[in-house]
Amino acid sequence: MLFNSSLLGQVEVDENTIITFEAGLPAFENCTRFKLFHEADSDSPNVFWMQSLDNPDVLFSVTDPQKLGIRYEIELSENEVAALALSRQEDAAILLTIYREPPSDEANPALSQLRANVRNPLIINLATQKALQKTGLACDIVFHNR
């Protein structure tokens, strides 16, 4: 399938690699099919972007929470397990959306802070490419001595 990415131009997308959010994402319910991209010249990127195949203007920067030193233990409901078609927990991957806060200094927008949305992670079944956003998590921060 050919897709016109706003960041890469026209790219070939393997249909087997499309991530499907059956219910869409909050505020983007009409966007159910996404493709995960990263810069071609990086073997192990820290930040990827996920672009909607339904609306190419919808894209999110995402990263592995472990790159930020965050580890998740999430309990999924039976409905969430079914929506993901998840049979093995090791098939589940978690990604966090990254966003830039509006700049407090209009003259220096590059100084605005990057934030990770840790309370609403994306959960993807790597075996089936089905995904959902787990919203409204309560978070505890645990510090470890090193």
N, C-alpha and C. Protein backbone atom coordinates (compact mmCIF):
# COMPACT_ATOMS: atom_id res chain seq x y z
N MET A 1 0.85 -1.17 0.00
CA MET A 1 0.00 0.00 0.00
C MET A 1 0.90 1.24 0.00
N LEU A 2 0.62 2.18 -0.88
CA LEU A 2 1.36 3.44 -0.91
C LEU A 2 0.71 4.44 0.03
N PHE A 3 1.54 5.15 0.79
CA PHE A 3 1.04 6.13 1.75
C PHE A 3 1.90 7.38 1.63
N ASN A 4 1.25 8.54 1.68
CA ASN A 4 1.98 9.80 1.60
C ASN A 4 2.18 10.34 3.02
N SER A 5 3.35 10.09 3.57
CA SER A 5 3.70 10.55 4.92
C SER A 5 4.12 12.01 4.86
N SER A 6 3.64 12.80 5.81
CA SER A 6 4.01 14.22 5.84
C SER A 6 5.49 14.42 6.15
N LEU A 7 6.13 13.43 6.75
CA LEU A 7 7.55 13.57 7.09
C LEU A 7 8.48 12.84 6.12
N LEU A 8 7.99 11.79 5.47
CA LEU A 8 8.85 10.98 4.60
C LEU A 8 8.49 11.06 3.12
N GLY A 9 7.35 11.65 2.82
CA GLY A 9 6.88 11.62 1.44
C GLY A 9 6.16 10.31 1.18
N GLN A 10 6.18 9.86 -0.06
CA GLN A 10 5.46 8.63 -0.40
C GLN A 10 6.29 7.41 0.02
N VAL A 11 5.67 6.52 0.80
CA VAL A 11 6.33 5.30 1.28
C VAL A 11 5.43 4.10 1.04
N GLU A 12 6.05 2.96 0.91
CA GLU A 12 5.32 1.70 0.79
C GLU A 12 5.08 1.18 2.21
N VAL A 13 3.83 0.85 2.53
CA VAL A 13 3.47 0.35 3.85
C VAL A 13 3.01 -1.09 3.71
N ASP A 14 3.67 -1.99 4.42
CA ASP A 14 3.27 -3.39 4.47
C ASP A 14 1.99 -3.47 5.31
N GLU A 15 0.93 -4.00 4.74
CA GLU A 15 -0.36 -4.09 5.44
C GLU A 15 -0.25 -4.87 6.76
N ASN A 16 0.71 -5.78 6.86
CA ASN A 16 0.88 -6.59 8.08
C ASN A 16 1.51 -5.81 9.22
N THR A 17 2.00 -4.60 8.94
CA THR A 17 2.64 -3.81 9.98
C THR A 17 1.77 -2.66 10.47
N ILE A 18 0.52 -2.61 9.99
CA ILE A 18 -0.39 -1.54 10.40
C ILE A 18 -0.92 -1.83 11.80
N ILE A 19 -0.78 -0.86 12.69
CA ILE A 19 -1.29 -0.97 14.05
C ILE A 19 -2.73 -0.49 14.04
N THR A 20 -3.63 -1.31 14.59
CA THR A 20 -5.06 -0.99 14.56
C THR A 20 -5.60 -0.72 15.96
N PHE A 21 -6.15 0.47 16.13
CA PHE A 21 -6.87 0.84 17.34
C PHE A 21 -8.35 0.74 16.98
N GLU A 22 -8.99 -0.36 17.34
CA GLU A 22 -10.37 -0.61 16.92
C GLU A 22 -11.30 0.54 17.28
N ALA A 23 -11.13 1.13 18.44
CA ALA A 23 -11.99 2.23 18.89
C ALA A 23 -11.36 3.59 18.60
N GLY A 24 -10.26 3.63 17.88
CA GLY A 24 -9.56 4.88 17.66
C GLY A 24 -8.87 5.32 18.95
N LEU A 25 -8.46 6.56 18.97
CA LEU A 25 -7.85 7.15 20.15
C LEU A 25 -8.74 8.29 20.63
N PRO A 26 -8.74 8.58 21.93
CA PRO A 26 -9.55 9.70 22.41
C PRO A 26 -9.27 10.98 21.61
N ALA A 27 -10.31 11.60 21.14
CA ALA A 27 -10.29 12.80 20.30
C ALA A 27 -9.92 12.50 18.84
N PHE A 28 -9.54 11.26 18.55
CA PHE A 28 -9.22 10.86 17.17
C PHE A 28 -9.89 9.53 16.86
N GLU A 29 -11.17 9.41 17.20
CA GLU A 29 -11.89 8.15 17.06
C GLU A 29 -11.95 7.67 15.61
N ASN A 30 -11.87 8.60 14.64
CA ASN A 30 -11.93 8.21 13.23
C ASN A 30 -10.59 7.72 12.70
N CYS A 31 -9.57 7.80 13.51
CA CYS A 31 -8.24 7.32 13.13
C CYS A 31 -8.00 5.98 13.82
N THR A 32 -8.14 4.91 13.07
CA THR A 32 -7.98 3.58 13.67
C THR A 32 -6.74 2.85 13.18
N ARG A 33 -6.17 3.29 12.05
CA ARG A 33 -5.01 2.60 11.48
C ARG A 33 -3.79 3.52 11.53
N PHE A 34 -2.71 3.00 12.15
CA PHE A 34 -1.49 3.79 12.31
C PHE A 34 -0.28 2.97 11.85
N LYS A 35 0.73 3.70 11.44
CA LYS A 35 2.01 3.10 11.08
C LYS A 35 3.07 3.72 11.96
N LEU A 36 3.94 2.89 12.49
CA LEU A 36 5.04 3.35 13.33
C LEU A 36 6.26 3.57 12.44
N PHE A 37 6.83 4.77 12.51
CA PHE A 37 8.00 5.13 11.71
C PHE A 37 9.15 5.54 12.62
N HIS A 38 10.36 5.48 12.11
CA HIS A 38 11.51 6.07 12.76
C HIS A 38 12.49 6.49 11.68
N GLU A 39 13.44 7.31 12.05
CA GLU A 39 14.40 7.79 11.06
C GLU A 39 15.17 6.61 10.49
N ALA A 40 15.30 6.59 9.18
CA ALA A 40 15.93 5.46 8.49
C ALA A 40 17.40 5.29 8.84
N ASP A 41 18.08 6.37 9.21
CA ASP A 41 19.51 6.27 9.47
C ASP A 41 19.84 5.88 10.91
N SER A 42 18.83 5.53 11.69
CA SER A 42 19.06 5.16 13.09
C SER A 42 18.64 3.72 13.32
N ASP A 43 19.58 2.89 13.79
CA ASP A 43 19.26 1.48 14.04
C ASP A 43 18.42 1.28 15.30
N SER A 44 18.65 2.09 16.31
CA SER A 44 17.87 1.96 17.54
C SER A 44 17.40 3.34 17.98
N PRO A 45 16.34 3.80 17.36
CA PRO A 45 15.87 5.16 17.68
C PRO A 45 15.30 5.26 19.08
N ASN A 46 15.44 6.44 19.67
CA ASN A 46 14.85 6.70 20.98
C ASN A 46 13.41 7.18 20.85
N VAL A 47 13.12 7.87 19.75
CA VAL A 47 11.78 8.39 19.53
C VAL A 47 11.31 7.96 18.16
N PHE A 48 10.11 7.43 18.10
CA PHE A 48 9.46 7.06 16.86
C PHE A 48 8.33 8.05 16.62
N TRP A 49 7.70 7.98 15.47
CA TRP A 49 6.44 8.68 15.33
C TRP A 49 5.43 7.71 14.76
N MET A 50 4.22 7.89 15.17
CA MET A 50 3.10 7.05 14.77
C MET A 50 2.16 7.95 13.98
N GLN A 51 1.93 7.59 12.72
CA GLN A 51 1.11 8.43 11.85
C GLN A 51 -0.14 7.69 11.43
N SER A 52 -1.26 8.41 11.45
CA SER A 52 -2.53 7.82 11.05
C SER A 52 -2.56 7.59 9.55
N LEU A 53 -2.98 6.40 9.15
CA LEU A 53 -3.17 6.11 7.73
C LEU A 53 -4.54 6.61 7.28
N ASP A 54 -5.42 6.93 8.23
CA ASP A 54 -6.76 7.44 7.91
C ASP A 54 -6.74 8.95 7.72
N ASN A 55 -5.85 9.64 8.44
CA ASN A 55 -5.72 11.08 8.34
C ASN A 55 -4.24 11.41 8.52
N PRO A 56 -3.51 11.61 7.41
CA PRO A 56 -2.06 11.82 7.49
C PRO A 56 -1.63 13.01 8.32
N ASP A 57 -2.55 13.93 8.63
CA ASP A 57 -2.20 15.08 9.46
C ASP A 57 -2.11 14.72 10.94
N VAL A 58 -2.56 13.52 11.31
CA VAL A 58 -2.53 13.09 12.71
C VAL A 58 -1.28 12.23 12.92
N LEU A 59 -0.36 12.77 13.70
CA LEU A 59 0.83 11.99 14.04
C LEU A 59 1.27 12.32 15.45
N PHE A 60 1.89 11.33 16.07
CA PHE A 60 2.33 11.44 17.46
C PHE A 60 3.78 10.99 17.55
N SER A 61 4.58 11.67 18.35
CA SER A 61 5.90 11.18 18.71
C SER A 61 5.69 10.20 19.86
N VAL A 62 6.35 9.05 19.78
CA VAL A 62 6.20 8.03 20.82
C VAL A 62 7.58 7.46 21.17
N THR A 63 7.68 6.95 22.39
CA THR A 63 8.93 6.34 22.82
C THR A 63 8.66 5.16 23.75
N ASP A 64 9.65 4.32 23.89
CA ASP A 64 9.61 3.21 24.82
C ASP A 64 9.79 3.78 26.23
N PRO A 65 8.90 3.47 27.17
CA PRO A 65 9.04 4.03 28.51
C PRO A 65 10.36 3.68 29.19
N GLN A 66 10.96 2.55 28.84
CA GLN A 66 12.23 2.17 29.45
C GLN A 66 13.35 3.14 29.07
N LYS A 67 13.22 3.81 27.92
CA LYS A 67 14.20 4.82 27.52
C LYS A 67 14.15 6.01 28.47
N LEU A 68 13.02 6.15 29.18
CA LEU A 68 12.86 7.23 30.16
C LEU A 68 13.04 6.73 31.59
N GLY A 69 13.41 5.46 31.74
CA GLY A 69 13.59 4.88 33.06
C GLY A 69 12.28 4.51 33.74
N ILE A 70 11.22 4.29 32.96
CA ILE A 70 9.90 3.97 33.51
C ILE A 70 9.56 2.52 33.20
N ARG A 71 9.06 1.82 34.20
CA ARG A 71 8.61 0.44 34.03
C ARG A 71 7.15 0.36 34.43
N TYR A 72 6.35 -0.29 33.61
CA TYR A 72 4.92 -0.40 33.87
C TYR A 72 4.54 -1.80 34.32
N GLU A 73 3.58 -1.86 35.24
CA GLU A 73 2.84 -3.07 35.57
C GLU A 73 1.38 -2.68 35.47
N ILE A 74 0.73 -3.13 34.39
CA ILE A 74 -0.64 -2.72 34.11
C ILE A 74 -1.54 -3.95 34.12
N GLU A 75 -2.62 -3.84 34.85
CA GLU A 75 -3.61 -4.91 34.85
C GLU A 75 -4.68 -4.57 33.82
N LEU A 76 -4.87 -5.47 32.87
CA LEU A 76 -5.87 -5.26 31.82
C LEU A 76 -7.16 -5.99 32.17
N SER A 77 -8.28 -5.39 31.82
CA SER A 77 -9.57 -6.04 32.01
C SER A 77 -9.73 -7.15 30.96
N GLU A 78 -10.71 -8.00 31.17
CA GLU A 78 -10.99 -9.06 30.18
C GLU A 78 -11.34 -8.45 28.83
N ASN A 79 -12.07 -7.35 28.84
CA ASN A 79 -12.43 -6.68 27.58
C ASN A 79 -11.19 -6.13 26.87
N GLU A 80 -10.26 -5.58 27.64
CA GLU A 80 -9.04 -5.05 27.04
C GLU A 80 -8.17 -6.17 26.47
N VAL A 81 -8.07 -7.28 27.18
CA VAL A 81 -7.32 -8.43 26.68
C VAL A 81 -7.95 -8.93 25.38
N ALA A 82 -9.28 -8.99 25.35
CA ALA A 82 -9.99 -9.42 24.13
C ALA A 82 -9.78 -8.43 22.99
N ALA A 83 -9.85 -7.13 23.28
CA ALA A 83 -9.66 -6.11 22.24
C ALA A 83 -8.26 -6.19 21.63
N LEU A 84 -7.28 -6.55 22.44
CA LEU A 84 -5.91 -6.70 21.97
C LEU A 84 -5.66 -8.08 21.34
N ALA A 85 -6.59 -9.02 21.56
CA ALA A 85 -6.39 -10.41 21.14
C ALA A 85 -5.07 -10.92 21.74
N LEU A 86 -4.87 -10.62 23.01
CA LEU A 86 -3.62 -10.91 23.70
C LEU A 86 -3.69 -12.27 24.38
N SER A 87 -2.82 -13.18 23.96
CA SER A 87 -2.79 -14.50 24.60
C SER A 87 -1.53 -14.69 25.44
N ARG A 88 -0.48 -13.91 25.17
CA ARG A 88 0.77 -14.00 25.93
C ARG A 88 1.19 -12.59 26.33
N GLN A 89 1.45 -12.39 27.61
CA GLN A 89 1.80 -11.04 28.07
C GLN A 89 3.08 -10.52 27.44
N GLU A 90 4.01 -11.41 27.04
CA GLU A 90 5.25 -10.94 26.42
C GLU A 90 5.03 -10.36 25.02
N ASP A 91 3.83 -10.55 24.46
CA ASP A 91 3.51 -9.93 23.17
C ASP A 91 3.08 -8.48 23.31
N ALA A 92 2.86 -8.02 24.53
CA ALA A 92 2.40 -6.65 24.75
C ALA A 92 3.60 -5.70 24.83
N ALA A 93 3.49 -4.59 24.11
CA ALA A 93 4.50 -3.53 24.17
C ALA A 93 3.79 -2.25 24.59
N ILE A 94 4.51 -1.40 25.28
CA ILE A 94 3.94 -0.14 25.74
C ILE A 94 4.76 1.01 25.13
N LEU A 95 4.05 1.99 24.62
CA LEU A 95 4.67 3.21 24.12
C LEU A 95 4.03 4.41 24.78
N LEU A 96 4.81 5.46 24.95
CA LEU A 96 4.31 6.71 25.52
C LEU A 96 4.33 7.79 24.45
N THR A 97 3.29 8.60 24.44
CA THR A 97 3.30 9.75 23.53
C THR A 97 4.12 10.87 24.17
N ILE A 98 4.85 11.56 23.32
CA ILE A 98 5.71 12.67 23.74
C ILE A 98 5.13 13.93 23.11
N TYR A 99 5.09 15.00 23.87
CA TYR A 99 4.59 16.25 23.31
C TYR A 99 5.39 17.42 23.88
N ARG A 100 5.35 18.50 23.16
CA ARG A 100 6.05 19.71 23.57
C ARG A 100 5.02 20.67 24.15
N GLU A 101 5.30 21.16 25.35
CA GLU A 101 4.42 22.16 25.96
C GLU A 101 4.46 23.44 25.16
N PRO A 102 3.37 24.20 25.15
CA PRO A 102 3.43 25.52 24.50
C PRO A 102 4.54 26.34 25.15
N PRO A 103 5.32 27.04 24.34
CA PRO A 103 6.46 27.79 24.90
C PRO A 103 6.00 28.91 25.82
N SER A 104 6.68 29.03 26.96
CA SER A 104 6.38 30.13 27.86
C SER A 104 7.08 31.40 27.38
N ASP A 105 8.13 31.20 26.60
CA ASP A 105 8.87 32.32 26.03
C ASP A 105 8.67 32.30 24.52
N GLU A 106 7.79 33.14 24.01
CA GLU A 106 7.47 33.16 22.58
C GLU A 106 8.71 33.41 21.73
N ALA A 107 9.69 34.13 22.26
CA ALA A 107 10.90 34.45 21.49
C ALA A 107 11.82 33.23 21.36
N ASN A 108 11.70 32.25 22.27
CA ASN A 108 12.55 31.05 22.25
C ASN A 108 11.70 29.79 22.34
N PRO A 109 10.94 29.46 21.29
CA PRO A 109 10.07 28.29 21.36
C PRO A 109 10.82 26.98 21.54
N ALA A 110 12.09 26.94 21.15
CA ALA A 110 12.88 25.71 21.31
C ALA A 110 13.13 25.39 22.78
N LEU A 111 12.93 26.37 23.66
CA LEU A 111 13.16 26.15 25.09
C LEU A 111 11.97 25.51 25.79
N SER A 112 10.86 25.30 25.07
CA SER A 112 9.71 24.67 25.71
C SER A 112 10.06 23.23 26.06
N GLN A 113 9.44 22.71 27.10
CA GLN A 113 9.79 21.40 27.63
C GLN A 113 9.05 20.28 26.90
N LEU A 114 9.73 19.15 26.77
CA LEU A 114 9.09 17.95 26.26
C LEU A 114 8.46 17.22 27.44
N ARG A 115 7.30 16.65 27.21
CA ARG A 115 6.58 15.90 28.25
C ARG A 115 6.20 14.53 27.70
N ALA A 116 6.14 13.55 28.58
CA ALA A 116 5.67 12.21 28.22
C ALA A 116 4.33 11.99 28.90
N ASN A 117 3.39 11.45 28.16
CA ASN A 117 2.06 11.18 28.69
C ASN A 117 2.09 9.81 29.38
N VAL A 118 2.54 9.77 30.63
CA VAL A 118 2.72 8.50 31.35
C VAL A 118 1.42 7.92 31.89
N ARG A 119 0.37 8.75 32.01
CA ARG A 119 -0.89 8.26 32.57
C ARG A 119 -1.81 7.65 31.53
N ASN A 120 -1.45 7.75 30.25
CA ASN A 120 -2.30 7.23 29.17
C ASN A 120 -1.45 6.51 28.12
N PRO A 121 -0.78 5.41 28.52
CA PRO A 121 0.12 4.73 27.58
C PRO A 121 -0.65 3.99 26.47
N LEU A 122 0.07 3.76 25.38
CA LEU A 122 -0.45 2.95 24.28
C LEU A 122 0.04 1.53 24.50
N ILE A 123 -0.87 0.57 24.37
CA ILE A 123 -0.51 -0.83 24.53
C ILE A 123 -0.75 -1.51 23.19
N ILE A 124 0.29 -2.19 22.68
CA ILE A 124 0.23 -2.82 21.36
C ILE A 124 0.55 -4.30 21.50
N ASN A 125 -0.30 -5.13 20.89
CA ASN A 125 -0.01 -6.55 20.80
C ASN A 125 0.89 -6.73 19.58
N LEU A 126 2.15 -7.06 19.79
CA LEU A 126 3.11 -7.18 18.70
C LEU A 126 2.79 -8.34 17.77
N ALA A 127 2.05 -9.34 18.24
CA ALA A 127 1.71 -10.49 17.41
C ALA A 127 0.55 -10.19 16.46
N THR A 128 -0.42 -9.40 16.92
CA THR A 128 -1.61 -9.14 16.10
C THR A 128 -1.68 -7.72 15.57
N GLN A 129 -0.81 -6.82 16.08
CA GLN A 129 -0.81 -5.41 15.72
C GLN A 129 -2.07 -4.68 16.18
N LYS A 130 -2.82 -5.27 17.11
CA LYS A 130 -3.98 -4.58 17.68
C LYS A 130 -3.50 -3.76 18.87
N ALA A 131 -4.18 -2.61 19.07
CA ALA A 131 -3.69 -1.70 20.11
C ALA A 131 -4.84 -0.97 20.77
N LEU A 132 -4.53 -0.39 21.93
CA LEU A 132 -5.48 0.47 22.63
C LEU A 132 -4.70 1.45 23.47
N GLN A 133 -5.40 2.48 23.89
CA GLN A 133 -4.80 3.44 24.83
C GLN A 133 -5.44 3.21 26.18
N LYS A 134 -4.62 2.90 27.16
CA LYS A 134 -5.08 2.71 28.54
C LYS A 134 -5.10 4.09 29.17
N THR A 135 -6.28 4.58 29.49
CA THR A 135 -6.39 5.97 29.95
C THR A 135 -6.58 6.07 31.46
N GLY A 136 -6.16 7.21 31.99
CA GLY A 136 -6.41 7.56 33.38
C GLY A 136 -5.72 6.71 34.42
N LEU A 137 -4.52 6.22 34.13
CA LEU A 137 -3.81 5.42 35.12
C LEU A 137 -3.40 6.26 36.31
N ALA A 138 -3.51 5.70 37.48
CA ALA A 138 -2.93 6.32 38.67
C ALA A 138 -1.47 5.86 38.69
N CYS A 139 -0.56 6.76 38.96
CA CYS A 139 0.86 6.43 38.88
C CYS A 139 1.53 6.60 40.24
N ASP A 140 2.36 5.63 40.57
CA ASP A 140 3.24 5.73 41.73
C ASP A 140 4.66 5.81 41.19
N ILE A 141 5.47 6.63 41.81
CA ILE A 141 6.87 6.72 41.43
C ILE A 141 7.67 6.01 42.50
N VAL A 142 8.50 5.06 42.08
CA VAL A 142 9.33 4.30 43.00
C VAL A 142 10.79 4.66 42.73
N PHE A 143 11.51 5.04 43.76
CA PHE A 143 12.91 5.38 43.63
C PHE A 143 13.76 4.21 44.08
N HIS A 144 14.82 3.93 43.35
CA HIS A 144 15.74 2.86 43.69
C HIS A 144 17.12 3.45 43.93
N ASN A 145 17.78 2.93 44.97
CA ASN A 145 19.18 3.33 45.21
C ASN A 145 20.07 2.60 44.24
N ARG A 146 21.00 3.31 43.68
CA ARG A 146 21.95 2.67 42.75
C ARG A 146 23.36 2.85 43.22
